[in-house]
N, C-alpha and C. Protein backbone atom coordinates (compact mmCIF):
# COMPACT_ATOMS: atom_id res chain seq x y z
N MET A 1 0.69 -1.29 0.15
CA MET A 1 0.01 -0.16 -0.07
C MET A 1 0.83 1.20 0.07
N SER A 2 0.43 2.22 -0.94
CA SER A 2 1.52 3.45 -1.08
C SER A 2 1.06 4.42 0.03
N ILE A 3 2.22 5.27 0.39
CA ILE A 3 2.03 6.28 1.31
C ILE A 3 1.46 7.66 0.64
N SER A 4 0.46 8.07 1.34
CA SER A 4 -0.08 9.46 0.67
C SER A 4 0.77 10.49 0.90
N THR A 5 0.76 11.66 0.34
CA THR A 5 1.33 12.95 0.58
C THR A 5 0.45 13.97 1.15
N VAL A 6 1.02 14.92 1.55
CA VAL A 6 0.26 15.95 2.33
C VAL A 6 0.14 17.00 1.35
N SER A 7 -1.07 17.44 1.00
CA SER A 7 -1.16 18.74 0.14
C SER A 7 -1.86 20.02 0.61
N ASP A 8 -1.93 19.95 1.97
CA ASP A 8 -2.53 21.14 2.66
C ASP A 8 -1.66 21.73 3.67
N ALA A 9 -0.42 21.99 3.07
CA ALA A 9 0.81 22.46 4.00
C ALA A 9 0.20 24.02 4.46
N ASP A 10 -0.52 24.64 3.60
CA ASP A 10 -0.96 26.11 3.80
C ASP A 10 -2.24 26.05 4.83
N SER A 11 -2.58 24.99 5.34
CA SER A 11 -3.98 24.81 6.17
C SER A 11 -3.73 25.64 7.36
N PRO A 12 -4.57 26.29 7.85
CA PRO A 12 -4.53 27.00 9.26
C PRO A 12 -4.37 25.93 10.32
N ARG A 13 -4.48 24.70 10.23
CA ARG A 13 -4.18 23.83 11.20
C ARG A 13 -2.69 23.93 11.74
N SER A 14 -2.43 23.69 13.03
CA SER A 14 -1.04 23.70 13.36
C SER A 14 -0.16 22.62 12.77
N ALA A 15 1.19 22.79 12.66
CA ALA A 15 1.91 21.74 12.19
C ALA A 15 1.87 20.51 12.99
N ARG A 16 1.84 20.61 14.26
CA ARG A 16 1.71 19.50 14.95
C ARG A 16 0.41 18.50 14.58
N ASP A 17 -0.77 19.36 14.55
CA ASP A 17 -2.04 18.60 14.05
C ASP A 17 -1.85 17.94 12.51
N ARG A 18 -1.06 18.71 11.70
CA ARG A 18 -1.01 17.91 10.35
C ARG A 18 -0.23 16.94 10.33
N VAL A 19 0.82 16.87 11.09
CA VAL A 19 1.55 15.58 11.20
C VAL A 19 0.74 14.49 11.94
N TYR A 20 0.16 14.62 13.30
CA TYR A 20 -0.73 13.89 13.80
C TYR A 20 -1.79 13.23 12.86
N GLU A 21 -2.49 14.09 12.35
CA GLU A 21 -3.57 13.49 11.41
C GLU A 21 -3.02 12.67 10.21
N TRP A 22 -1.90 13.07 9.69
CA TRP A 22 -1.42 12.29 8.54
C TRP A 22 -0.80 10.91 8.99
N VAL A 23 0.01 10.82 10.08
CA VAL A 23 0.53 9.59 10.39
C VAL A 23 -0.57 8.83 10.84
N ARG A 24 -1.72 9.37 11.71
CA ARG A 24 -2.85 8.60 12.23
C ARG A 24 -3.52 7.85 11.25
N ASP A 25 -3.84 8.79 9.99
CA ASP A 25 -4.51 8.14 8.89
C ASP A 25 -4.01 7.12 8.01
N GLU A 26 -2.72 7.37 7.94
CA GLU A 26 -1.82 6.16 7.15
C GLU A 26 -1.69 4.97 8.27
N ILE A 27 -1.89 5.10 9.38
CA ILE A 27 -1.77 4.07 10.33
C ILE A 27 -3.00 3.23 10.09
N ILE A 28 -4.19 3.99 10.14
CA ILE A 28 -5.56 3.33 10.00
C ILE A 28 -5.67 2.76 8.75
N ARG A 29 -5.24 3.42 7.61
CA ARG A 29 -5.23 2.80 6.27
C ARG A 29 -4.49 1.47 6.25
N GLY A 30 -3.47 1.45 6.99
CA GLY A 30 -2.51 0.08 6.80
C GLY A 30 -1.20 0.54 5.97
N ALA A 31 -1.15 1.61 5.61
CA ALA A 31 0.04 2.05 4.68
C ALA A 31 1.17 2.20 5.61
N LEU A 32 1.04 2.46 6.87
CA LEU A 32 2.30 2.28 7.96
C LEU A 32 1.66 1.08 8.72
N PRO A 33 2.27 -0.13 8.49
CA PRO A 33 1.77 -1.26 9.17
C PRO A 33 2.42 -1.23 10.45
N GLY A 34 1.80 -2.25 11.36
CA GLY A 34 2.28 -2.52 12.70
C GLY A 34 3.71 -3.06 12.65
N GLY A 35 4.56 -2.50 13.48
CA GLY A 35 6.02 -2.95 13.53
C GLY A 35 6.87 -1.98 12.72
N ARG A 36 6.41 -1.06 11.80
CA ARG A 36 7.22 -0.27 11.19
C ARG A 36 7.68 0.96 12.11
N PHE A 37 9.21 1.09 11.84
CA PHE A 37 9.73 2.35 12.57
C PHE A 37 9.31 3.60 11.78
N LEU A 38 9.18 4.63 12.57
CA LEU A 38 8.90 6.03 11.93
C LEU A 38 10.10 6.84 12.03
N ASP A 39 10.68 7.58 11.08
CA ASP A 39 11.74 8.36 11.22
C ASP A 39 11.25 9.74 11.31
N GLU A 40 11.64 10.46 12.32
CA GLU A 40 11.41 11.99 12.33
C GLU A 40 11.67 12.77 11.08
N VAL A 41 12.85 12.72 10.51
CA VAL A 41 13.14 13.19 9.35
C VAL A 41 12.30 13.19 8.22
N TRP A 42 11.99 11.77 8.00
CA TRP A 42 11.14 11.18 6.78
C TRP A 42 9.95 11.78 7.06
N VAL A 43 9.19 11.90 8.15
CA VAL A 43 7.99 12.31 8.35
C VAL A 43 7.95 13.87 8.28
N SER A 44 8.83 14.70 8.80
CA SER A 44 8.77 16.11 8.65
C SER A 44 8.88 16.47 7.12
N GLU A 45 9.84 15.85 6.29
CA GLU A 45 9.92 16.19 4.92
C GLU A 45 8.52 15.83 4.01
N LEU A 46 7.96 14.68 4.48
CA LEU A 46 6.59 14.45 3.84
C LEU A 46 5.48 15.38 4.11
N VAL A 47 5.60 15.74 5.30
CA VAL A 47 4.30 16.76 5.88
C VAL A 47 4.88 18.09 5.56
N GLY A 48 6.17 18.52 5.41
CA GLY A 48 6.51 19.76 5.13
C GLY A 48 6.62 20.65 6.45
N THR A 49 7.26 20.18 7.35
CA THR A 49 7.40 20.95 8.69
C THR A 49 8.88 20.54 9.41
N SER A 50 9.08 21.08 10.43
CA SER A 50 10.35 20.80 11.15
C SER A 50 10.07 19.49 12.10
N ARG A 51 11.10 19.12 12.71
CA ARG A 51 11.06 17.86 13.56
C ARG A 51 10.13 18.07 14.83
N THR A 52 10.26 19.48 15.28
CA THR A 52 9.55 19.58 16.61
C THR A 52 8.03 19.22 16.59
N PRO A 53 7.36 19.70 15.58
CA PRO A 53 5.89 19.37 15.63
C PRO A 53 5.72 17.74 15.37
N VAL A 54 6.66 17.00 14.76
CA VAL A 54 6.63 15.85 14.54
C VAL A 54 6.92 15.02 16.08
N ARG A 55 7.81 15.41 16.82
CA ARG A 55 8.06 14.86 18.11
C ARG A 55 6.84 15.20 18.86
N GLU A 56 6.04 16.11 18.82
CA GLU A 56 4.85 16.59 19.52
C GLU A 56 3.80 15.65 19.15
N ALA A 57 3.63 15.53 17.81
CA ALA A 57 2.62 14.60 17.51
C ALA A 57 2.86 13.14 17.69
N PHE A 58 4.20 12.70 17.78
CA PHE A 58 4.50 11.33 18.19
C PHE A 58 3.89 10.99 19.64
N HIS A 59 4.12 12.02 20.34
CA HIS A 59 3.95 11.84 21.91
C HIS A 59 2.37 11.65 21.90
N ARG A 60 1.50 12.42 21.10
CA ARG A 60 -0.02 12.19 21.38
C ARG A 60 -0.31 10.77 20.59
N LEU A 61 0.43 10.48 19.59
CA LEU A 61 0.06 9.23 19.03
C LEU A 61 0.46 8.12 19.91
N ASN A 62 1.60 8.28 20.67
CA ASN A 62 1.77 7.30 21.73
C ASN A 62 0.75 7.25 22.68
N SER A 63 0.24 8.42 23.11
CA SER A 63 -0.56 8.52 24.46
C SER A 63 -1.95 7.64 23.68
N GLU A 64 -2.23 7.72 22.52
CA GLU A 64 -3.39 7.06 22.08
C GLU A 64 -3.14 5.73 21.60
N ARG A 65 -2.05 5.14 21.73
CA ARG A 65 -1.65 3.78 21.48
C ARG A 65 -1.58 3.42 20.00
N PHE A 66 -1.15 4.35 19.24
CA PHE A 66 -1.04 4.17 17.77
C PHE A 66 0.58 3.87 17.61
N ILE A 67 1.33 4.29 18.46
CA ILE A 67 2.72 3.88 18.31
C ILE A 67 3.34 3.84 19.72
N ASP A 68 4.48 2.96 19.59
CA ASP A 68 5.19 3.00 20.96
C ASP A 68 6.59 3.87 20.60
N LEU A 69 6.93 4.63 21.75
CA LEU A 69 8.23 5.49 21.74
C LEU A 69 9.30 4.60 22.34
N LEU A 70 10.26 4.10 21.91
CA LEU A 70 11.37 3.33 22.33
C LEU A 70 12.68 3.83 22.46
N PRO A 71 13.18 3.81 23.66
CA PRO A 71 14.42 4.49 23.91
C PRO A 71 15.42 4.11 22.93
N ARG A 72 16.03 5.03 22.22
CA ARG A 72 17.13 4.78 21.37
C ARG A 72 16.93 3.99 20.07
N ARG A 73 15.59 3.94 19.90
CA ARG A 73 15.13 3.31 18.57
C ARG A 73 14.03 4.06 17.94
N GLY A 74 13.38 4.93 18.52
CA GLY A 74 12.49 5.61 17.95
C GLY A 74 10.83 5.33 18.26
N ALA A 75 10.32 5.67 17.32
CA ALA A 75 8.82 5.53 17.15
C ALA A 75 8.38 4.17 16.28
N GLN A 76 7.63 3.33 16.80
CA GLN A 76 7.26 2.19 16.14
C GLN A 76 5.92 1.93 16.19
N VAL A 77 5.19 1.69 15.22
CA VAL A 77 3.80 1.62 15.09
C VAL A 77 3.32 0.44 15.52
N ARG A 78 2.22 0.36 16.58
CA ARG A 78 1.71 -0.60 17.24
C ARG A 78 0.96 -1.69 16.42
N ASN A 79 0.85 -2.87 16.60
CA ASN A 79 -0.02 -3.71 16.08
C ASN A 79 -1.32 -3.61 16.69
N VAL A 80 -2.44 -3.89 15.75
CA VAL A 80 -3.94 -4.19 16.24
C VAL A 80 -3.95 -5.38 16.96
N THR A 81 -4.31 -5.62 18.20
CA THR A 81 -4.16 -6.82 19.06
C THR A 81 -5.67 -7.38 19.06
N ALA A 82 -5.90 -8.65 19.42
CA ALA A 82 -7.31 -9.22 19.55
C ALA A 82 -7.89 -8.56 20.84
N ARG A 83 -7.07 -8.36 21.65
CA ARG A 83 -7.65 -7.70 22.95
C ARG A 83 -8.03 -6.33 22.80
N GLU A 84 -7.38 -5.61 22.06
CA GLU A 84 -7.81 -4.30 21.58
C GLU A 84 -9.03 -4.25 20.94
N LEU A 85 -9.11 -4.99 20.02
CA LEU A 85 -10.40 -5.10 19.23
C LEU A 85 -11.65 -5.71 20.01
N GLU A 86 -11.33 -6.43 21.03
CA GLU A 86 -12.60 -6.92 21.83
C GLU A 86 -12.82 -5.71 22.64
N GLU A 87 -11.73 -5.02 23.44
CA GLU A 87 -11.96 -4.17 24.28
C GLU A 87 -12.87 -2.99 23.76
N VAL A 88 -12.56 -2.54 22.54
CA VAL A 88 -13.24 -1.35 21.66
C VAL A 88 -14.59 -1.79 21.53
N TYR A 89 -14.78 -3.02 20.93
CA TYR A 89 -16.18 -3.45 20.67
C TYR A 89 -17.09 -3.41 21.87
N ALA A 90 -16.56 -3.94 22.96
CA ALA A 90 -17.18 -4.06 24.44
C ALA A 90 -17.58 -2.70 24.78
N ALA A 91 -16.86 -1.60 24.66
CA ALA A 91 -17.08 -0.16 24.94
C ALA A 91 -18.22 0.21 24.08
N ARG A 92 -18.07 -0.20 22.91
CA ARG A 92 -19.19 0.19 21.83
C ARG A 92 -20.47 -0.32 22.14
N ARG A 93 -20.57 -1.49 22.50
CA ARG A 93 -21.73 -2.27 22.86
C ARG A 93 -22.62 -1.45 24.02
N LEU A 94 -21.80 -1.13 24.97
CA LEU A 94 -22.28 -0.51 26.13
C LEU A 94 -22.86 0.89 25.85
N ILE A 95 -21.95 1.74 25.10
CA ILE A 95 -22.63 3.09 24.75
C ILE A 95 -23.68 3.12 23.75
N GLU A 96 -23.53 2.44 22.64
CA GLU A 96 -24.41 2.38 21.64
C GLU A 96 -25.78 1.66 22.00
N GLY A 97 -25.79 0.66 22.83
CA GLY A 97 -26.87 -0.05 23.21
C GLY A 97 -27.83 0.91 24.05
N HIS A 98 -26.97 1.53 24.92
CA HIS A 98 -27.70 2.25 25.82
C HIS A 98 -28.55 3.56 25.09
N ALA A 99 -27.76 4.09 24.07
CA ALA A 99 -28.22 5.07 23.33
C ALA A 99 -29.36 4.71 22.38
N ALA A 100 -29.45 3.73 21.93
CA ALA A 100 -30.49 2.95 20.96
C ALA A 100 -31.74 2.68 21.87
N ARG A 101 -31.42 2.37 23.18
CA ARG A 101 -32.69 1.99 24.01
C ARG A 101 -33.25 3.33 24.53
N ALA A 102 -32.60 4.32 24.71
CA ALA A 102 -33.01 5.57 24.99
C ALA A 102 -33.89 6.35 23.91
N LEU A 103 -33.35 6.15 22.68
CA LEU A 103 -33.97 6.75 21.59
C LEU A 103 -35.24 6.01 21.35
N CYS A 104 -35.42 4.76 21.49
CA CYS A 104 -36.69 4.09 21.17
C CYS A 104 -37.57 4.48 22.35
N GLN A 105 -37.24 4.53 23.56
CA GLN A 105 -37.93 4.67 24.62
C GLN A 105 -38.64 6.18 24.53
N ALA A 106 -37.97 7.14 24.04
CA ALA A 106 -38.32 8.45 23.58
C ALA A 106 -39.23 8.52 22.47
N GLY A 107 -39.30 7.38 21.71
CA GLY A 107 -40.16 7.37 20.43
C GLY A 107 -39.52 8.41 19.39
N ALA A 108 -38.20 8.51 19.52
CA ALA A 108 -37.46 9.43 18.68
C ALA A 108 -37.28 8.87 17.26
N GLY A 109 -37.34 7.60 16.82
CA GLY A 109 -37.32 7.19 15.54
C GLY A 109 -35.70 6.84 15.24
N ALA A 110 -35.43 6.74 14.04
CA ALA A 110 -33.94 6.54 13.49
C ALA A 110 -33.35 7.98 13.14
N PRO A 111 -32.25 8.40 13.53
CA PRO A 111 -31.62 9.68 12.97
C PRO A 111 -31.75 9.71 11.52
N ALA A 112 -32.10 10.89 11.27
CA ALA A 112 -32.35 11.23 9.83
C ALA A 112 -31.24 10.93 8.78
N ASP A 113 -30.08 11.01 9.16
CA ASP A 113 -28.97 10.67 8.20
C ASP A 113 -28.50 9.25 8.08
N LEU A 114 -28.98 8.39 8.80
CA LEU A 114 -28.58 6.90 8.84
C LEU A 114 -28.71 6.27 7.45
N ASP A 115 -29.79 6.81 6.86
CA ASP A 115 -30.18 5.88 5.31
C ASP A 115 -28.93 6.54 4.43
N ASP A 116 -28.53 7.70 4.43
CA ASP A 116 -27.56 8.15 3.47
C ASP A 116 -26.18 7.57 3.91
N LEU A 117 -25.86 7.61 5.15
CA LEU A 117 -24.59 6.85 5.36
C LEU A 117 -24.46 5.52 5.15
N ALA A 118 -25.54 4.79 5.37
CA ALA A 118 -25.60 3.36 5.02
C ALA A 118 -25.49 3.19 3.42
N GLU A 119 -26.18 4.14 2.69
CA GLU A 119 -26.01 3.91 1.28
C GLU A 119 -24.49 4.17 0.72
N ALA A 120 -23.92 5.30 1.42
CA ALA A 120 -22.48 5.57 0.97
C ALA A 120 -21.55 4.53 1.51
N MET A 121 -21.87 3.86 2.65
CA MET A 121 -20.91 2.77 3.12
C MET A 121 -21.02 1.80 1.84
N GLU A 122 -22.21 1.52 1.53
CA GLU A 122 -22.45 0.42 0.57
C GLU A 122 -21.65 0.50 -0.76
N VAL A 123 -21.73 1.74 -1.12
CA VAL A 123 -20.79 2.27 -2.45
C VAL A 123 -19.22 1.97 -2.17
N ALA A 124 -18.88 2.56 -0.92
CA ALA A 124 -17.29 2.29 -0.65
C ALA A 124 -17.01 0.90 -0.50
N GLY A 125 -17.96 0.18 0.09
CA GLY A 125 -17.68 -1.44 0.19
C GLY A 125 -17.40 -2.09 -1.17
N ARG A 126 -18.36 -1.66 -2.19
CA ARG A 126 -18.21 -2.27 -3.32
C ARG A 126 -16.84 -1.96 -3.97
N GLU A 127 -16.50 -0.72 -3.78
CA GLU A 127 -15.03 -0.35 -4.13
C GLU A 127 -13.86 -0.84 -3.44
N GLN A 128 -14.15 -1.53 -2.15
CA GLN A 128 -13.17 -1.94 -1.31
C GLN A 128 -12.21 -1.04 -0.85
N ASP A 129 -12.76 0.24 -0.59
CA ASP A 129 -12.35 1.35 0.22
C ASP A 129 -12.47 1.40 1.57
N TRP A 130 -11.51 0.54 2.33
CA TRP A 130 -11.82 0.26 3.57
C TRP A 130 -11.75 1.43 4.54
N PHE A 131 -10.81 2.44 4.04
CA PHE A 131 -10.61 3.56 4.98
C PHE A 131 -11.85 4.57 5.07
N THR A 132 -12.66 4.68 3.67
CA THR A 132 -13.87 5.38 3.83
C THR A 132 -15.04 4.64 4.36
N VAL A 133 -14.95 3.23 4.05
CA VAL A 133 -16.02 2.41 4.87
C VAL A 133 -15.96 2.70 6.48
N ALA A 134 -14.79 2.50 6.85
CA ALA A 134 -14.54 2.69 8.35
C ALA A 134 -15.04 4.08 8.95
N ARG A 135 -14.64 5.04 8.21
CA ARG A 135 -15.15 6.37 8.47
C ARG A 135 -16.59 6.68 8.52
N LEU A 136 -17.13 6.10 7.37
CA LEU A 136 -18.73 6.19 7.41
C LEU A 136 -19.22 5.43 8.35
N ASP A 137 -18.84 4.23 8.63
CA ASP A 137 -19.34 3.27 9.76
C ASP A 137 -19.31 4.01 11.04
N ARG A 138 -18.21 4.74 11.24
CA ARG A 138 -18.15 5.43 12.62
C ARG A 138 -19.12 6.60 12.47
N ASP A 139 -19.31 7.33 11.46
CA ASP A 139 -20.27 8.27 11.37
C ASP A 139 -21.70 7.73 11.75
N PHE A 140 -22.04 6.44 10.96
CA PHE A 140 -23.20 6.01 11.36
C PHE A 140 -23.45 5.71 12.84
N HIS A 141 -22.71 5.09 13.50
CA HIS A 141 -22.73 4.83 14.72
C HIS A 141 -22.65 6.15 15.63
N ARG A 142 -21.93 6.83 15.25
CA ARG A 142 -21.91 8.20 15.99
C ARG A 142 -23.21 8.98 15.94
N ALA A 143 -24.05 8.84 14.83
CA ALA A 143 -25.28 9.54 14.80
C ALA A 143 -26.29 8.89 15.73
N ILE A 144 -26.11 7.69 16.22
CA ILE A 144 -26.98 7.15 16.99
C ILE A 144 -26.69 7.51 18.39
N VAL A 145 -25.38 7.60 18.75
CA VAL A 145 -25.03 8.15 20.12
C VAL A 145 -25.30 9.61 20.17
N GLY A 146 -24.99 10.38 19.28
CA GLY A 146 -25.42 11.80 19.18
C GLY A 146 -26.52 12.19 19.51
N ALA A 147 -27.63 11.32 18.63
CA ALA A 147 -29.04 11.74 18.72
C ALA A 147 -29.58 11.46 20.20
N HIS A 148 -28.97 10.78 20.90
CA HIS A 148 -29.33 10.46 22.39
C HIS A 148 -29.30 11.68 23.11
N GLY A 149 -28.39 12.66 22.72
CA GLY A 149 -28.17 13.95 23.53
C GLY A 149 -27.49 13.91 24.76
N ASN A 150 -26.85 12.81 25.43
CA ASN A 150 -26.00 12.69 26.59
C ASN A 150 -24.68 12.97 26.21
N THR A 151 -24.30 14.36 26.55
CA THR A 151 -23.04 14.82 26.10
C THR A 151 -21.69 13.94 26.69
N VAL A 152 -21.86 13.67 27.69
CA VAL A 152 -20.85 12.75 28.57
C VAL A 152 -20.63 11.54 27.68
N LEU A 153 -21.67 10.76 27.29
CA LEU A 153 -21.50 9.59 26.52
C LEU A 153 -20.78 9.81 25.24
N ALA A 154 -21.47 10.89 24.72
CA ALA A 154 -20.67 11.25 23.37
C ALA A 154 -19.34 11.49 23.53
N GLU A 155 -18.88 12.24 24.70
CA GLU A 155 -17.47 12.52 24.74
C GLU A 155 -16.83 11.29 24.80
N LEU A 156 -17.26 10.38 25.77
CA LEU A 156 -16.57 9.08 25.93
C LEU A 156 -16.49 8.30 24.55
N TYR A 157 -17.60 8.32 23.89
CA TYR A 157 -17.61 7.57 22.51
C TYR A 157 -16.49 8.34 21.34
N ASP A 158 -16.40 9.62 21.53
CA ASP A 158 -15.54 10.21 20.55
C ASP A 158 -14.04 9.91 20.90
N ALA A 159 -13.87 9.59 22.24
CA ALA A 159 -12.52 9.27 22.63
C ALA A 159 -11.85 7.86 21.79
N LEU A 160 -13.00 7.03 21.31
CA LEU A 160 -12.60 5.90 20.86
C LEU A 160 -12.38 5.96 19.23
N ARG A 161 -12.75 7.20 18.70
CA ARG A 161 -12.87 7.42 17.35
C ARG A 161 -11.70 6.77 16.58
N SER A 162 -10.58 7.21 16.74
CA SER A 162 -9.41 6.84 15.89
C SER A 162 -9.13 5.31 15.90
N ARG A 163 -9.03 4.78 17.29
CA ARG A 163 -8.81 3.44 17.49
C ARG A 163 -10.11 2.49 16.94
N GLN A 164 -11.23 3.15 17.07
CA GLN A 164 -12.26 2.41 16.31
C GLN A 164 -12.24 2.21 14.97
N GLN A 165 -11.56 3.27 14.12
CA GLN A 165 -11.74 3.29 12.64
C GLN A 165 -10.42 2.42 12.37
N ARG A 166 -9.30 2.26 13.21
CA ARG A 166 -8.34 1.41 12.71
C ARG A 166 -8.67 -0.02 12.92
N VAL A 167 -9.36 -0.41 14.07
CA VAL A 167 -9.78 -1.60 14.34
C VAL A 167 -10.77 -2.13 13.15
N ALA A 168 -11.65 -1.17 12.82
CA ALA A 168 -12.63 -1.54 11.59
C ALA A 168 -11.80 -1.92 10.33
N VAL A 169 -10.86 -0.90 9.86
CA VAL A 169 -10.19 -1.06 8.70
C VAL A 169 -9.25 -2.64 8.83
N ARG A 170 -8.69 -3.05 9.99
CA ARG A 170 -8.07 -4.08 10.01
C ARG A 170 -9.04 -5.22 10.03
N ALA A 171 -10.14 -5.09 10.60
CA ALA A 171 -11.24 -6.45 10.47
C ALA A 171 -11.64 -6.45 9.07
N LEU A 172 -11.82 -5.39 8.28
CA LEU A 172 -12.30 -5.41 7.06
C LEU A 172 -11.20 -6.12 6.02
N GLN A 173 -9.94 -5.56 6.43
CA GLN A 173 -9.02 -6.34 5.55
C GLN A 173 -8.98 -7.86 5.67
N ILE A 174 -9.00 -8.30 6.94
CA ILE A 174 -8.98 -9.70 7.29
C ILE A 174 -10.08 -10.50 6.86
N ARG A 175 -11.17 -9.84 6.73
CA ARG A 175 -12.65 -10.61 6.17
C ARG A 175 -13.34 -9.75 5.46
N PRO A 176 -13.08 -9.34 4.37
CA PRO A 176 -13.73 -8.43 3.27
C PRO A 176 -15.24 -9.04 2.98
N GLN A 177 -15.27 -10.30 2.99
CA GLN A 177 -16.48 -11.08 2.55
C GLN A 177 -17.70 -10.63 3.53
N ARG A 178 -17.27 -10.19 4.72
CA ARG A 178 -18.29 -9.86 5.59
C ARG A 178 -19.27 -8.57 5.17
N VAL A 179 -18.74 -7.69 4.21
CA VAL A 179 -19.47 -6.33 3.95
C VAL A 179 -20.81 -6.49 3.75
N PRO A 180 -21.33 -7.44 2.93
CA PRO A 180 -22.77 -7.53 2.52
C PRO A 180 -23.50 -7.85 3.90
N GLU A 181 -22.99 -8.61 4.81
CA GLU A 181 -23.49 -8.80 6.11
C GLU A 181 -23.68 -7.66 6.99
N ILE A 182 -22.46 -6.86 6.96
CA ILE A 182 -22.62 -5.54 7.72
C ILE A 182 -23.60 -4.65 7.15
N ASP A 183 -23.58 -4.47 5.87
CA ASP A 183 -24.70 -3.64 5.20
C ASP A 183 -26.05 -3.94 5.72
N ALA A 184 -26.30 -5.32 5.76
CA ALA A 184 -27.74 -5.87 6.08
C ALA A 184 -27.83 -5.48 7.59
N GLN A 185 -26.97 -5.63 8.50
CA GLN A 185 -27.12 -5.42 9.73
C GLN A 185 -27.38 -3.97 10.05
N HIS A 186 -26.87 -3.02 9.16
CA HIS A 186 -27.03 -1.60 9.23
C HIS A 186 -28.44 -1.34 8.93
N ARG A 187 -28.88 -1.94 7.71
CA ARG A 187 -30.34 -1.57 7.23
C ARG A 187 -31.33 -2.09 8.53
N ALA A 188 -31.00 -3.29 9.17
CA ALA A 188 -32.02 -3.86 10.06
C ALA A 188 -31.91 -3.02 11.42
N ILE A 189 -30.78 -2.31 11.47
CA ILE A 189 -30.72 -1.55 12.81
C ILE A 189 -31.51 -0.15 12.63
N ILE A 190 -31.44 0.33 11.23
CA ILE A 190 -32.19 1.68 11.11
C ILE A 190 -33.70 1.26 11.10
N ALA A 191 -34.25 0.00 10.53
CA ALA A 191 -35.48 -0.28 10.65
C ALA A 191 -36.09 -0.37 12.13
N ALA A 192 -35.16 -0.93 12.94
CA ALA A 192 -35.86 -1.15 14.38
C ALA A 192 -35.84 0.16 15.07
N LEU A 193 -34.92 0.94 14.87
CA LEU A 193 -34.92 2.34 15.48
C LEU A 193 -36.11 3.31 14.78
N ALA A 194 -36.48 2.96 13.39
CA ALA A 194 -37.48 3.64 12.92
C ALA A 194 -38.74 3.30 13.60
N ALA A 195 -38.85 1.78 14.00
CA ALA A 195 -40.12 1.43 14.63
C ALA A 195 -40.04 1.67 16.15
N ASN A 196 -39.18 2.19 16.60
CA ASN A 196 -38.99 2.47 18.11
C ASN A 196 -38.98 1.15 18.92
N ASP A 197 -38.51 -0.04 18.25
CA ASP A 197 -38.45 -1.31 18.74
C ASP A 197 -37.15 -1.53 19.60
N GLU A 198 -37.26 -1.11 20.92
CA GLU A 198 -36.21 -1.05 21.78
C GLU A 198 -35.41 -2.38 21.99
N ASP A 199 -36.19 -3.56 22.04
CA ASP A 199 -35.32 -4.70 22.38
C ASP A 199 -34.58 -5.16 21.10
N ARG A 200 -35.19 -5.01 19.80
CA ARG A 200 -34.67 -5.52 18.82
C ARG A 200 -33.50 -4.55 18.22
N ALA A 201 -33.68 -3.26 18.50
CA ALA A 201 -32.53 -2.41 18.17
C ALA A 201 -31.33 -2.72 19.10
N ALA A 202 -31.53 -2.87 20.34
CA ALA A 202 -30.36 -3.27 21.16
C ALA A 202 -29.75 -4.64 20.83
N ALA A 203 -30.75 -5.74 20.42
CA ALA A 203 -30.15 -6.89 20.14
C ALA A 203 -29.43 -6.90 18.68
N LEU A 204 -29.89 -6.13 17.65
CA LEU A 204 -29.05 -6.09 16.66
C LEU A 204 -27.97 -5.57 16.81
N LEU A 205 -27.64 -4.33 17.60
CA LEU A 205 -26.40 -3.71 17.95
C LEU A 205 -25.45 -4.53 18.57
N ASP A 206 -26.00 -5.40 19.43
CA ASP A 206 -25.21 -6.37 20.31
C ASP A 206 -24.53 -7.36 19.43
N GLU A 207 -25.31 -7.89 18.39
CA GLU A 207 -24.91 -8.89 17.51
C GLU A 207 -23.84 -8.36 16.35
N HIS A 208 -24.18 -7.03 16.23
CA HIS A 208 -23.31 -6.32 15.30
C HIS A 208 -22.06 -6.02 15.55
N LEU A 209 -21.83 -5.87 16.93
CA LEU A 209 -20.72 -5.40 17.64
C LEU A 209 -19.96 -6.51 18.29
N ARG A 210 -20.25 -7.67 17.84
CA ARG A 210 -19.64 -8.94 18.47
C ARG A 210 -18.51 -9.28 17.68
N PRO A 211 -17.17 -9.36 18.06
CA PRO A 211 -16.08 -9.64 17.29
C PRO A 211 -16.13 -10.98 16.81
N ILE A 212 -15.73 -11.23 15.26
CA ILE A 212 -15.88 -12.44 14.91
C ILE A 212 -14.66 -13.17 15.17
N GLN A 213 -14.91 -14.37 15.42
CA GLN A 213 -13.86 -15.36 15.94
C GLN A 213 -12.45 -15.52 14.76
N GLU A 214 -12.98 -15.51 13.66
CA GLU A 214 -11.87 -15.57 12.56
C GLU A 214 -10.99 -14.34 12.83
N ILE A 215 -11.48 -13.22 12.89
CA ILE A 215 -10.77 -11.93 12.99
C ILE A 215 -9.76 -12.01 14.16
N ILE A 216 -10.51 -12.32 15.40
CA ILE A 216 -9.63 -12.54 16.51
C ILE A 216 -8.47 -13.36 16.22
N SER A 217 -8.61 -14.62 15.81
CA SER A 217 -7.67 -15.61 15.64
C SER A 217 -6.64 -14.95 14.77
N ALA A 218 -7.09 -14.23 13.56
CA ALA A 218 -6.01 -13.72 12.73
C ALA A 218 -5.23 -12.70 13.38
N LEU A 219 -5.67 -11.98 14.39
CA LEU A 219 -4.85 -10.94 15.23
C LEU A 219 -3.87 -11.42 16.33
N GLY A 220 -4.26 -12.66 16.37
CA GLY A 220 -3.50 -13.52 17.41
C GLY A 220 -3.48 -12.78 19.12
C-alpha cells in the first residue's frame, strides 16, 4: 500500500496537528503497518514541517496507543491486537446499546442521516475502500449516540474514534467478505430504530458489535 502525501501545507491547522492527522490516517489505512519504525526526518519532509511538531505529534500518537516510543530506537507503529479489538467493541456495545434503547423509549425514531450513511458505505464497500467504509461506519454509529443527547456519553464515544476506525479497517482487511452482512445489519438497525423497537434495536447492535472469531484468531 502506497504512502499518501500531504497537500494542505498552507492549512490553518498547526503543524503538529497536520503531522498527527497524517500519521494517524496512514496507520489506520494500513500504509504504515504494525511494526514499522517511523523516522522523524522522513515524516517531517513528507508533511513539510520541522522535526519539533513531529516529536509533539508522536507523543500524542503514543498516548493514543498508535505508536510506541522506544528508547534509542524511535517510534514504532503498534499492531492491532485481539484484546484491543475486543475491548473497543465491548465499550461500543455499552454506549451504543444504551443510546439505542433511550432513543426508542423516547419514540425518537431513527436519526435522519442513517439511510444516506448506509448507502454511502455500501458504495465504498463495493469499491473496497476500507478507509472510507470505516469512516462512514463510525459516522453511522456516532449519529445514534449523538441523537441520544447525552454529552458525557458522546465525549466518551468520541475518545474511541481513531482506534475504532483502525480496528474496523483491520477487520475489513482480514474478512472483506463480511461486508454484505454488515450492510444488512445496518439496514436492520435503521428499521428497528424507525419502529422504536427497543429490544430489537439493542439485540441487533449487540450482534453487530460482537467480534468475529476468525478476525480475533488472525490478530493473535
